[in-house]
Amino acid sequence: MLRGNLRRGLALVRRRTHRSPPLPVRLYERAGCHLCEETHRALRRIGLDRPLAIQRVDVTSDPDLERRYLLRIPVVGVGTRELDAAGLEDGEIASWLREVAP
């Protein structure tokens, strides 16, 4: 019985082991924002299927960032492209990531 569970576990690890470099993704957020936390969890779930290097940026740490993003957060950024991610489902974010970085 244990041997079968071990095989299934190893198969899952092989399927979830990424061979391509991670896509750098920025998440503009602020502390205490439940939409920001949900977007971060969505990115982590998406990262199970596609490697992502998530950089969390607190907009309150810089007055310029705060002015630019405070009313829009959470915002997901890849390169120069940005997505206002408030209320979006995992599939919508994953689709956008595929569009901007195939």
Protein backbone atom coordinates (compact mmCIF):
# COMPACT_ATOMS: atom_id res chain seq x y z
CA MET A 1 0.00 0.00 0.00
CA LEU A 2 2.74 2.47 0.89
CA ARG A 3 4.60 1.71 -2.33
CA GLY A 4 1.59 2.73 -4.46
CA ASN A 5 1.23 6.01 -2.57
CA LEU A 6 4.92 6.69 -3.07
CA ARG A 7 4.60 6.12 -6.83
CA ARG A 8 1.64 8.47 -7.03
CA GLY A 9 3.50 11.08 -5.00
CA LEU A 10 6.60 10.88 -7.20
CA ALA A 11 4.46 11.11 -10.34
CA LEU A 12 2.85 14.28 -8.98
CA VAL A 13 6.26 15.79 -8.18
CA ARG A 14 7.51 15.01 -11.70
CA ARG A 15 4.42 16.64 -13.21
CA ARG A 16 4.82 19.75 -11.06
CA THR A 17 8.60 20.13 -11.62
CA HIS A 18 9.13 22.96 -14.09
CA ARG A 19 11.96 22.88 -16.56
CA SER A 20 11.64 26.41 -17.92
CA PRO A 21 12.82 29.55 -16.12
CA PRO A 22 10.16 31.28 -14.00
CA LEU A 23 8.27 34.25 -15.43
CA PRO A 24 9.01 37.38 -13.36
CA VAL A 25 5.68 38.79 -12.12
CA ARG A 26 5.18 41.86 -9.92
CA LEU A 27 2.20 42.14 -7.60
CA TYR A 28 1.50 45.70 -6.50
CA GLU A 29 -0.33 45.52 -3.17
CA ARG A 30 -0.62 46.97 0.32
CA ALA A 31 -0.83 45.40 3.74
CA GLY A 32 -4.30 44.52 4.95
CA CYS A 33 -5.83 44.35 1.47
CA HIS A 34 -7.89 41.14 1.20
CA LEU A 35 -8.12 41.45 -2.62
CA CYS A 36 -4.32 41.64 -2.75
CA GLU A 37 -3.99 38.50 -0.63
CA GLU A 38 -6.47 36.64 -2.83
CA THR A 39 -4.58 37.69 -5.96
CA HIS A 40 -1.32 36.48 -4.41
CA ARG A 41 -2.94 33.11 -3.62
CA ALA A 42 -4.25 32.96 -7.21
CA LEU A 43 -0.74 33.59 -8.57
CA ARG A 44 0.64 30.85 -6.34
CA ARG A 45 -2.01 28.43 -7.64
CA ILE A 46 -1.20 29.43 -11.23
CA GLY A 47 2.47 28.92 -10.37
CA LEU A 48 1.79 25.21 -9.85
CA ASP A 49 1.24 24.86 -13.60
CA ARG A 50 3.56 27.59 -14.89
CA PRO A 51 6.71 28.72 -13.06
CA LEU A 52 6.33 32.25 -11.69
CA ALA A 53 8.78 34.40 -9.74
CA ILE A 54 6.37 36.61 -7.80
CA GLN A 55 7.76 39.91 -6.52
CA ARG A 56 5.42 41.55 -4.02
CA VAL A 57 5.64 45.35 -4.09
CA ASP A 58 4.09 47.32 -1.22
CA VAL A 59 2.78 50.53 -2.79
CA THR A 60 2.76 52.34 0.55
CA SER A 61 6.57 52.14 0.73
CA ASP A 62 7.02 54.74 -2.04
CA PRO A 63 4.90 57.90 -2.47
CA ASP A 64 5.10 57.67 -6.29
CA LEU A 65 3.90 54.05 -6.28
CA GLU A 66 1.18 54.92 -3.80
CA ARG A 67 -0.08 57.75 -6.01
CA ARG A 68 -0.03 55.53 -9.09
CA TYR A 69 -1.50 52.29 -7.69
CA LEU A 70 -3.42 52.89 -4.47
CA LEU A 71 -6.85 53.07 -6.15
CA ARG A 72 -6.05 50.24 -8.58
CA ILE A 73 -4.53 47.53 -6.36
CA PRO A 74 -4.05 44.67 -6.72
CA VAL A 75 -2.17 45.11 -9.99
CA VAL A 76 -0.20 42.31 -11.66
CA GLY A 77 2.72 43.42 -13.82
CA VAL A 78 4.82 41.56 -16.39
CA GLY A 79 7.42 43.70 -18.11
CA THR A 80 5.63 46.91 -19.10
CA ARG A 81 2.15 45.32 -19.18
CA GLU A 82 -0.21 45.60 -16.22
CA LEU A 83 -3.49 43.97 -15.22
CA ASP A 84 -5.91 45.36 -12.64
CA ALA A 85 -6.61 42.04 -10.93
CA ALA A 86 -9.25 42.97 -8.33
CA GLY A 87 -11.97 40.32 -8.38
CA LEU A 88 -10.51 38.29 -11.25
CA GLU A 89 -10.61 34.49 -11.22
CA ASP A 90 -7.50 32.31 -11.54
CA GLY A 91 -8.38 31.43 -15.15
CA GLU A 92 -8.62 35.08 -16.19
CA ILE A 93 -5.24 35.91 -14.68
CA ALA A 94 -3.65 32.78 -16.20
CA SER A 95 -5.10 33.66 -19.60
CA TRP A 96 -3.67 37.17 -19.39
CA LEU A 97 -0.25 35.76 -18.40
CA ARG A 98 -0.33 33.45 -21.43
CA GLU A 99 -1.21 36.42 -23.63
CA VAL A 100 1.60 38.71 -22.43
CA ALA A 101 4.27 36.02 -22.05
CA PRO A 102 3.50 32.91 -24.15
